[in-house]
C-alpha atoms as a PDB file:
ATOM      1  CA  UNK A   1      28.447  14.876   9.869  1.00  0.00           C
ATOM      2  CA  UNK A   2      25.065  14.257  11.452  1.00  0.00           C
ATOM      3  CA  UNK A   3      23.454  17.137  13.310  1.00  0.00           C
ATOM      4  CA  UNK A   4      20.528  16.536  15.630  1.00  0.00           C
ATOM      5  CA  UNK A   5      18.309  19.602  15.806  1.00  0.00           C
ATOM      6  CA  UNK A   6      16.559  20.817  18.925  1.00  0.00           C
ATOM      7  CA  UNK A   7      12.773  20.290  18.931  1.00  0.00           C
ATOM      8  CA  UNK A   8      12.400  24.073  19.242  1.00  0.00           C
ATOM      9  CA  UNK A   9      14.689  24.913  16.297  1.00  0.00           C
ATOM     10  CA  UNK A  10      13.461  27.860  14.233  1.00  0.00           C
ATOM     11  CA  UNK A  11      13.501  28.306  10.463  1.00  0.00           C
ATOM     12  CA  UNK A  12      16.161  30.998  10.826  1.00  0.00           C
ATOM     13  CA  UNK A  13      18.378  28.691  12.894  1.00  0.00           C
ATOM     14  CA  UNK A  14      17.988  25.935  10.293  1.00  0.00           C
ATOM     15  CA  UNK A  15      18.994  28.349   7.562  1.00  0.00           C
ATOM     16  CA  UNK A  16      22.113  29.393   9.500  1.00  0.00           C
ATOM     17  CA  UNK A  17      23.078  25.748  10.041  1.00  0.00           C
ATOM     18  CA  UNK A  18      22.628  24.963   6.340  1.00  0.00           C
ATOM     19  CA  UNK A  19      24.755  27.976   5.386  1.00  0.00           C
ATOM     20  CA  UNK A  20      27.544  26.950   7.768  1.00  0.00           C
ATOM     21  CA  UNK A  21      27.630  23.431   6.330  1.00  0.00           C
ATOM     22  CA  UNK A  22      27.434  24.681   2.730  1.00  0.00           C
ATOM     23  CA  UNK A  23      30.383  26.996   3.442  1.00  0.00           C
ATOM     24  CA  UNK A  24      32.476  23.868   3.986  1.00  0.00           C
ATOM     25  CA  UNK A  25      31.552  22.698   0.502  1.00  0.00           C
ATOM     26  CA  UNK A  26      29.291  20.007   1.940  1.00  0.00           C
ATOM     27  CA  UNK A  27      25.998  18.822   0.508  1.00  0.00           C
ATOM     28  CA  UNK A  28      23.135  18.856   2.992  1.00  0.00           C
ATOM     29  CA  UNK A  29      20.005  16.791   3.493  1.00  0.00           C
ATOM     30  CA  UNK A  30      17.279  17.099   6.095  1.00  0.00           C
ATOM     31  CA  UNK A  31      15.834  13.932   7.601  1.00  0.00           C
ATOM     32  CA  UNK A  32      12.803  13.706   9.873  1.00  0.00           C
ATOM     33  CA  UNK A  33      12.400  10.552  11.939  1.00  0.00           C
ATOM     34  CA  UNK A  34      10.205   9.382  14.781  1.00  0.00           C
ATOM     35  CA  UNK A  35      12.822  10.447  17.306  1.00  0.00           C
ATOM     36  CA  UNK A  36      13.815  13.818  15.892  1.00  0.00           C
ATOM     37  CA  UNK A  37      14.951  15.998  13.017  1.00  0.00           C
ATOM     38  CA  UNK A  38      18.460  15.885  11.571  1.00  0.00           C
ATOM     39  CA  UNK A  39      20.678  17.671   9.087  1.00  0.00           C
ATOM     40  CA  UNK A  40      23.184  15.487   7.252  1.00  0.00           C
ATOM     41  CA  UNK A  41      26.364  17.064   5.935  1.00  0.00           C
ATOM     42  CA  UNK A  42      28.199  15.058   3.278  1.00  0.00           C
ATOM     43  CA  UNK A  43      31.667  16.038   2.132  1.00  0.00           C
ATOM     44  CA  UNK A  44      35.406  15.428   2.468  1.00  0.00           C
ATOM     45  CA  UNK A  45      36.751  18.682   3.900  1.00  0.00           C
ATOM     46  CA  UNK A  46      37.892  18.671   7.524  1.00  0.00           C
ATOM     47  CA  UNK A  47      36.078  20.953   9.944  1.00  0.00           C
ATOM     48  CA  UNK A  48      36.046  22.065  13.575  1.00  0.00           C
ATOM     49  CA  UNK A  49      33.169  20.148  15.140  1.00  0.00           C
ATOM     50  CA  UNK A  50      33.113  22.554  18.088  1.00  0.00           C
ATOM     51  CA  UNK A  51      32.584  25.552  15.828  1.00  0.00           C
ATOM     52  CA  UNK A  52      29.589  23.938  14.121  1.00  0.00           C
ATOM     53  CA  UNK A  53      28.269  22.690  17.456  1.00  0.00           C
ATOM     54  CA  UNK A  54      28.107  26.228  18.837  1.00  0.00           C
ATOM     55  CA  UNK A  55      25.403  27.233  16.363  1.00  0.00           C
ATOM     56  CA  UNK A  56      22.010  27.765  17.972  1.00  0.00           C
ATOM     57  CA  UNK A  57      19.331  25.175  17.293  1.00  0.00           C
ATOM     58  CA  UNK A  58      21.724  22.205  17.500  1.00  0.00           C
ATOM     59  CA  UNK A  59      21.108  19.547  20.152  1.00  0.00           C
ATOM     60  CA  UNK A  60      24.030  17.276  19.217  1.00  0.00           C
ATOM     61  CA  UNK A  61      26.535  16.713  16.424  1.00  0.00           C
ATOM     62  CA  UNK A  62      28.360  13.566  15.321  1.00  0.00           C
ATOM     63  CA  UNK A  63      31.322  13.131  12.994  1.00  0.00           C
ATOM     64  CA  UNK A  64      30.858  10.108  10.699  1.00  0.00           C
ATOM     65  CA  UNK A  65      33.598   9.349   8.173  1.00  0.00           C
ATOM     66  CA  UNK A  66      31.835   6.505   6.332  1.00  0.00           C
ATOM     67  CA  UNK A  67      30.071   7.134   3.009  1.00  0.00           C
ATOM     68  CA  UNK A  68      27.018   5.513   4.576  1.00  0.00           C
ATOM     69  CA  UNK A  69      26.360   7.786   7.523  1.00  0.00           C
ATOM     70  CA  UNK A  70      22.722   7.273   8.458  1.00  0.00           C
ATOM     71  CA  UNK A  71      22.808   3.471   8.336  1.00  0.00           C
ATOM     72  CA  UNK A  72      26.173   3.233  10.092  1.00  0.00           C
ATOM     73  CA  UNK A  73      26.220   1.504  13.475  1.00  0.00           C
ATOM     74  CA  UNK A  74      28.344   4.412  14.649  1.00  0.00           C
ATOM     75  CA  UNK A  75      25.154   6.413  14.591  1.00  0.00           C
ATOM     76  CA  UNK A  76      22.159   4.098  14.378  1.00  0.00           C
ATOM     77  CA  UNK A  77      22.783   1.796  17.320  1.00  0.00           C
ATOM     78  CA  UNK A  78      19.182   0.657  17.857  1.00  0.00           C
ATOM     79  CA  UNK A  79      17.775  -2.326  15.996  1.00  0.00           C
ATOM     80  CA  UNK A  80      15.292  -1.478  13.240  1.00  0.00           C
ATOM     81  CA  UNK A  81      11.961  -3.242  13.750  1.00  0.00           C
ATOM     82  CA  UNK A  82       9.553  -3.146  10.818  1.00  0.00           C
ATOM     83  CA  UNK A  83       5.893  -3.707  11.644  1.00  0.00           C
ATOM     84  CA  UNK A  84       3.879  -5.072   8.713  1.00  0.00           C
ATOM     85  CA  UNK A  85       0.699  -5.270  10.762  1.00  0.00           C
ATOM     86  CA  UNK A  86      -1.301  -8.244  12.069  1.00  0.00           C
ATOM     87  CA  UNK A  87       1.569  -9.188  14.373  1.00  0.00           C
ATOM     88  CA  UNK A  88       4.102  -9.615  11.558  1.00  0.00           C
ATOM     89  CA  UNK A  89       7.428  -7.960  12.405  1.00  0.00           C
ATOM     90  CA  UNK A  90      10.876  -8.041  10.852  1.00  0.00           C
ATOM     91  CA  UNK A  91      13.937  -7.335  12.972  1.00  0.00           C
ATOM     92  CA  UNK A  92      12.541  -8.017  16.441  1.00  0.00           C
ATOM     93  CA  UNK A  93      15.074 -10.769  17.119  1.00  0.00           C
ATOM     94  CA  UNK A  94      12.936 -13.687  15.986  1.00  0.00           C
ATOM     95  CA  UNK A  95      13.166 -15.323  12.569  1.00  0.00           C
ATOM     96  CA  UNK A  96      10.873 -13.883   9.902  1.00  0.00           C
ATOM     97  CA  UNK A  97      10.430 -16.260   6.977  1.00  0.00           C
ATOM     98  CA  UNK A  98       9.523 -15.157   3.455  1.00  0.00           C
ATOM     99  CA  UNK A  99       8.828 -17.891   0.922  1.00  0.00           C
ATOM    100  CA  UNK A 100       7.350 -18.293  -2.519  1.00  0.00           C
ATOM    101  CA  UNK A 101       8.099 -18.799  -6.213  1.00  0.00           C
ATOM    102  CA  UNK A 102      10.471 -16.720  -8.282  1.00  0.00           C
ATOM    103  CA  UNK A 103       7.602 -15.685 -10.567  1.00  0.00           C
ATOM    104  CA  UNK A 104       3.881 -15.336 -10.003  1.00  0.00           C
ATOM    105  CA  UNK A 105       2.480 -17.394 -12.887  1.00  0.00           C
ATOM    106  CA  UNK A 106      -1.175 -18.324 -12.287  1.00  0.00           C
ATOM    107  CA  UNK A 107      -4.138 -18.222  -9.905  1.00  0.00           C
ATOM    108  CA  UNK A 108      -3.687 -21.928  -9.191  1.00  0.00           C
ATOM    109  CA  UNK A 109      -0.024 -21.426  -8.303  1.00  0.00           C
ATOM    110  CA  UNK A 110      -0.857 -18.523  -5.982  1.00  0.00           C
ATOM    111  CA  UNK A 111      -3.565 -20.538  -4.229  1.00  0.00           C
ATOM    112  CA  UNK A 112      -1.362 -23.599  -3.743  1.00  0.00           C
ATOM    113  CA  UNK A 113       1.502 -21.479  -2.406  1.00  0.00           C
ATOM    114  CA  UNK A 114      -0.719 -19.559   0.019  1.00  0.00           C
ATOM    115  CA  UNK A 115      -2.192 -22.818   1.323  1.00  0.00           C
ATOM    116  CA  UNK A 116       1.306 -24.206   1.928  1.00  0.00           C
ATOM    117  CA  UNK A 117       2.463 -21.018   3.675  1.00  0.00           C
ATOM    118  CA  UNK A 118      -0.638 -20.914   5.865  1.00  0.00           C
ATOM    119  CA  UNK A 119      -0.182 -24.556   6.855  1.00  0.00           C
ATOM    120  CA  UNK A 120       3.438 -23.886   7.840  1.00  0.00           C
ATOM    121  CA  UNK A 121       2.734 -20.514   9.499  1.00  0.00           C
ATOM    122  CA  UNK A 122       4.913 -18.521   7.094  1.00  0.00           C
ATOM    123  CA  UNK A 123       3.645 -14.906   7.242  1.00  0.00           C
ATOM    124  CA  UNK A 124       5.171 -13.420   4.072  1.00  0.00           C
ATOM    125  CA  UNK A 125       5.001 -14.576   0.452  1.00  0.00           C
ATOM    126  CA  UNK A 126       7.599 -13.531  -2.089  1.00  0.00           C
ATOM    127  CA  UNK A 127       7.131 -13.489  -5.832  1.00  0.00           C
ATOM    128  CA  UNK A 128       7.795 -11.457  -8.940  1.00  0.00           C
ATOM    129  CA  UNK A 129       5.260  -9.939 -11.312  1.00  0.00           C
ATOM    130  CA  UNK A 130       7.820  -7.771 -13.142  1.00  0.00           C
ATOM    131  CA  UNK A 131      10.766 -10.095 -13.706  1.00  0.00           C
ATOM    132  CA  UNK A 132      14.230  -9.124 -14.963  1.00  0.00           C
ATOM    133  CA  UNK A 133      15.459 -11.966 -17.145  1.00  0.00           C
ATOM    134  CA  UNK A 134      18.846 -12.711 -18.667  1.00  0.00           C
ATOM    135  CA  UNK A 135      17.062 -13.876 -21.831  1.00  0.00           C
ATOM    136  CA  UNK A 136      14.510 -11.657 -23.623  1.00  0.00           C
ATOM    137  CA  UNK A 137      12.538 -14.823 -24.454  1.00  0.00           C
ATOM    138  CA  UNK A 138      12.013 -15.953 -20.859  1.00  0.00           C
ATOM    139  CA  UNK A 139       8.717 -15.397 -19.004  1.00  0.00           C
ATOM    140  CA  UNK A 140       8.797 -11.915 -17.491  1.00  0.00           C
ATOM    141  CA  UNK A 141       5.844 -12.038 -15.126  1.00  0.00           C
ATOM    142  CA  UNK A 142       2.110 -11.331 -15.111  1.00  0.00           C
ATOM    143  CA  UNK A 143       2.511  -7.594 -14.555  1.00  0.00           C
ATOM    144  CA  UNK A 144       0.078  -5.295 -12.770  1.00  0.00           C
ATOM    145  CA  UNK A 145      -2.992  -7.503 -13.254  1.00  0.00           C
ATOM    146  CA  UNK A 146      -1.154 -10.455 -11.764  1.00  0.00           C
ATOM    147  CA  UNK A 147      -0.153  -8.324  -8.784  1.00  0.00           C
ATOM    148  CA  UNK A 148      -3.763  -7.302  -8.122  1.00  0.00           C
ATOM    149  CA  UNK A 149      -4.920 -10.925  -8.224  1.00  0.00           C
ATOM    150  CA  UNK A 150      -2.076 -12.019  -5.947  1.00  0.00           C
ATOM    151  CA  UNK A 151      -2.707  -9.217  -3.430  1.00  0.00           C
ATOM    152  CA  UNK A 152      -6.433 -10.010  -3.256  1.00  0.00           C
ATOM    153  CA  UNK A 153      -5.787 -13.694  -2.594  1.00  0.00           C
ATOM    154  CA  UNK A 154      -2.952 -13.034  -0.123  1.00  0.00           C
ATOM    155  CA  UNK A 155      -5.018 -10.613   1.937  1.00  0.00           C
ATOM    156  CA  UNK A 156      -7.871 -13.090   2.109  1.00  0.00           C
ATOM    157  CA  UNK A 157      -5.371 -15.618   3.483  1.00  0.00           C
ATOM    158  CA  UNK A 158      -3.817 -13.137   5.931  1.00  0.00           C
ATOM    159  CA  UNK A 159      -0.415 -13.314   4.214  1.00  0.00           C
ATOM    160  CA  UNK A 160       1.829 -10.295   3.534  1.00  0.00           C
ATOM    161  CA  UNK A 161       3.594  -9.970   0.166  1.00  0.00           C
ATOM    162  CA  UNK A 162       6.954  -8.720  -1.054  1.00  0.00           C
ATOM    163  CA  UNK A 163       7.667  -8.119  -4.738  1.00  0.00           C
ATOM    164  CA  UNK A 164      10.390  -6.568  -6.855  1.00  0.00           C
ATOM    165  CA  UNK A 165      10.034  -3.071  -8.271  1.00  0.00           C
ATOM    166  CA  UNK A 166      12.041  -2.562 -11.450  1.00  0.00           C
ATOM    167  CA  UNK A 167      11.685   1.135 -12.203  1.00  0.00           C
ATOM    168  CA  UNK A 168      10.378   4.390 -10.765  1.00  0.00           C
ATOM    169  CA  UNK A 169       7.130   4.304 -12.751  1.00  0.00           C
ATOM    170  CA  UNK A 170       6.136   1.004 -11.106  1.00  0.00           C
ATOM    171  CA  UNK A 171       6.181   2.358  -7.540  1.00  0.00           C
ATOM    172  CA  UNK A 172       2.756   4.006  -7.775  1.00  0.00           C
ATOM    173  CA  UNK A 173       1.408   1.027  -9.724  1.00  0.00           C
ATOM    174  CA  UNK A 174       2.447  -1.393  -6.975  1.00  0.00           C
ATOM    175  CA  UNK A 175       2.019   0.773  -3.891  1.00  0.00           C
ATOM    176  CA  UNK A 176      -1.489  -0.276  -2.842  1.00  0.00           C
ATOM    177  CA  UNK A 177      -0.791  -3.980  -3.298  1.00  0.00           C
ATOM    178  CA  UNK A 178       2.612  -4.843  -1.815  1.00  0.00           C
ATOM    179  CA  UNK A 179       3.614  -4.806   1.835  1.00  0.00           C
ATOM    180  CA  UNK A 180       7.349  -4.640   1.080  1.00  0.00           C
ATOM    181  CA  UNK A 181       9.114  -3.350  -2.035  1.00  0.00           C
ATOM    182  CA  UNK A 182      12.094  -5.420  -3.141  1.00  0.00           C
ATOM    183  CA  UNK A 183      15.079  -3.927  -4.964  1.00  0.00           C
ATOM    184  CA  UNK A 184      16.715  -6.752  -6.892  1.00  0.00           C
ATOM    185  CA  UNK A 185      20.420  -7.365  -7.374  1.00  0.00           C
ATOM    186  CA  UNK A 186      20.390  -5.737 -10.829  1.00  0.00           C
ATOM    187  CA  UNK A 187      18.885  -2.535  -9.424  1.00  0.00           C
ATOM    188  CA  UNK A 188      20.946  -2.135  -6.267  1.00  0.00           C
ATOM    189  CA  UNK A 189      22.691   0.832  -7.877  1.00  0.00           C
ATOM    190  CA  UNK A 190      19.674   2.244  -9.702  1.00  0.00           C
ATOM    191  CA  UNK A 191      20.004   5.492  -7.788  1.00  0.00           C
ATOM    192  CA  UNK A 192      16.931   7.182  -9.253  1.00  0.00           C
ATOM    193  CA  UNK A 193      14.836   4.243  -8.041  1.00  0.00           C
ATOM    194  CA  UNK A 194      16.485   4.307  -4.605  1.00  0.00           C
ATOM    195  CA  UNK A 195      15.862   8.049  -4.305  1.00  0.00           C
ATOM    196  CA  UNK A 196      12.158   7.581  -5.015  1.00  0.00           C
ATOM    197  CA  UNK A 197      11.855   4.674  -2.584  1.00  0.00           C
ATOM    198  CA  UNK A 198      13.280   6.990   0.059  1.00  0.00           C
ATOM    199  CA  UNK A 199      10.174   9.160  -0.301  1.00  0.00           C
ATOM    200  CA  UNK A 200       7.581   6.465   0.424  1.00  0.00           C
ATOM    201  CA  UNK A 201       6.140   5.118   3.666  1.00  0.00           C
ATOM    202  CA  UNK A 202       6.584   1.412   3.010  1.00  0.00           C
ATOM    203  CA  UNK A 203       9.392  -1.037   3.818  1.00  0.00           C
ATOM    204  CA  UNK A 204      12.108  -1.604   1.228  1.00  0.00           C
ATOM    205  CA  UNK A 205      14.340  -4.669   0.994  1.00  0.00           C
ATOM    206  CA  UNK A 206      17.582  -4.153  -0.933  1.00  0.00           C
ATOM    207  CA  UNK A 207      19.435  -7.159  -2.284  1.00  0.00           C
ATOM    208  CA  UNK A 208      23.191  -7.094  -2.551  1.00  0.00           C
ATOM    209  CA  UNK A 209      24.357  -6.456  -6.113  1.00  0.00           C
ATOM    210  CA  UNK A 210      25.606  -9.238  -8.365  1.00  0.00           C
ATOM    211  CA  UNK A 211      29.227  -8.275  -7.697  1.00  0.00           C
ATOM    212  CA  UNK A 212      28.690  -5.540  -5.137  1.00  0.00           C
ATOM    213  CA  UNK A 213      30.779  -4.999  -2.038  1.00  0.00           C
ATOM    214  CA  UNK A 214      29.226  -4.719   1.408  1.00  0.00           C
ATOM    215  CA  UNK A 215      30.135  -1.033   1.403  1.00  0.00           C
ATOM    216  CA  UNK A 216      28.222  -0.536  -1.851  1.00  0.00           C
ATOM    217  CA  UNK A 217      25.187  -2.297  -0.374  1.00  0.00           C
ATOM    218  CA  UNK A 218      25.267   0.028   2.636  1.00  0.00           C
ATOM    219  CA  UNK A 219      25.672   3.058   0.383  1.00  0.00           C
ATOM    220  CA  UNK A 220      22.590   1.962  -1.570  1.00  0.00           C
ATOM    221  CA  UNK A 221      20.696   1.737   1.712  1.00  0.00           C
ATOM    222  CA  UNK A 222      21.890   5.254   2.509  1.00  0.00           C
ATOM    223  CA  UNK A 223      20.094   6.577  -0.581  1.00  0.00           C
ATOM    224  CA  UNK A 224      16.763   5.292   0.740  1.00  0.00           C
ATOM    225  CA  UNK A 225      17.404   6.302   4.346  1.00  0.00           C
ATOM    226  CA  UNK A 226      18.534   9.819   3.440  1.00  0.00           C
ATOM    227  CA  UNK A 227      15.202  10.349   1.708  1.00  0.00           C
ATOM    228  CA  UNK A 228      13.437   9.771   5.029  1.00  0.00           C
ATOM    229  CA  UNK A 229      12.445   6.103   4.732  1.00  0.00           C
ATOM    230  CA  UNK A 230      13.963   4.169   7.641  1.00  0.00           C
ATOM    231  CA  UNK A 231      12.043   0.946   6.955  1.00  0.00           C
ATOM    232  CA  UNK A 232      15.006  -0.852   5.425  1.00  0.00           C
ATOM    233  CA  UNK A 233      15.860  -4.529   5.093  1.00  0.00           C
ATOM    234  CA  UNK A 234      19.211  -5.658   3.657  1.00  0.00           C
ATOM    235  CA  UNK A 235      19.359  -9.010   1.875  1.00  0.00           C
ATOM    236  CA  UNK A 236      22.689 -10.833   1.652  1.00  0.00           C
ATOM    237  CA  UNK A 237      22.598 -13.113  -1.407  1.00  0.00           C
ATOM    238  CA  UNK A 238      26.289 -13.570  -2.053  1.00  0.00           C
ATOM    239  CA  UNK A 239      28.112 -12.461  -5.195  1.00  0.00           C
ATOM    240  CA  UNK A 240      29.008 -13.990  -8.546  1.00  0.00           C
ATOM    241  CA  UNK A 241      32.477 -15.539  -8.618  1.00  0.00           C
ATOM    242  CA  UNK A 242      34.360 -18.108 -10.708  1.00  0.00           C
ATOM    243  CA  UNK A 243      32.993 -20.806  -8.398  1.00  0.00           C
ATOM    244  CA  UNK A 244      30.462 -22.992 -10.264  1.00  0.00           C
ATOM    245  CA  UNK A 245      29.291 -25.187  -7.375  1.00  0.00           C
ATOM    246  CA  UNK A 246      26.711 -22.592  -6.372  1.00  0.00           C
ATOM    247  CA  UNK A 247      25.015 -19.720  -8.164  1.00  0.00           C
ATOM    248  CA  UNK A 248      26.381 -17.161  -5.694  1.00  0.00           C
ATOM    249  CA  UNK A 249      29.169 -17.254  -3.134  1.00  0.00           C
ATOM    250  CA  UNK A 250      28.957 -15.800   0.370  1.00  0.00           C
ATOM    251  CA  UNK A 251      32.083 -13.793   1.117  1.00  0.00           C
ATOM    252  CA  UNK A 252      31.227 -12.719   4.662  1.00  0.00           C
END
């Protein structure tokens, strides 16, 4: 269930609402957004929505049966628009292009890529400085120093950057340099990482897992959203199948 609280709700009323939800055996989470404050109740037990709705301090209550409640279109009907600054928006109905190499490898490569993006009016550069590789012998990125160099050059060119975060400890290391955090396919169900990304005030793009279902992708997004971060982008990349003609297959 999703409970919208009244703007005037008191601490005592919140406590009573939490107790009523907990009595059902539900877990609760509080979410503050730009349009209001909410209490999320997550559980399987049936309940009388009218009985909960009579509690003081509640403006509205919604029953949502999906595992992904906050990101469900049953509840969140408005389009999410993410403002990266300098007129760069994602989700406003126009196409937002991100382009760049898989790995950030050198100053020369960064400069050449930024020049190409600027010439073609592409506002966002992608690239990895911490790279997950199938082989332990493959190049795994330039790390934090490479990110700092890239960010300095990108800002001078007026280009935003998106890069993959691999683990919780890297969030603080990357925070001042990236405009969007990317969660790669291998980390789509790294729930500790998703929890921490829910606590930050920067956009997060989640890729679909290597063999993940759409429902699992939405549930991963729910982890971030339930932490209070609504700046979410979902990336459909297809899944691995027995088909060899392409690396991934779109099943939607």
